Amino acid sequence: MRIDIQSPHLEISATTADQLKAKVAKLEHFYENILDVVIYLHEENSHKEIEMKVNVKDQTLFIKETGETFVAAMDVAMDVMKKQLIKYKEKTAKV
């Protein structure tokens, strides 16, 4: 699985990038056939925003979450994406 972090107009530390990649890598526990993940980071006034696009076979799953830090926003985003991946896996298993 390829993980790409894009943060136009702002720089993130290597530590933050590594933390985000480590969290995203855990998604493979819920669905093994993830092609790639693209994470977009934005900073809006006092909060951080994460958009995550997960490409799986025949579909793209997308979420957008905010938090006080990028890591906090990623925690919320991961919970939502886990649910989406489990739902997608169950849906494709029935076919």
Foldseek 3Di string as FASTA:
>chain_A
DAEEEAEPPDDDDPVVVVLLVVLVVVLCVLPVAWDYKYWYWDDDDQKIKIWIWIDGPPDIDIDIFIDRDPNVRSVVVSVVVSVVSNVVVVVVVVD
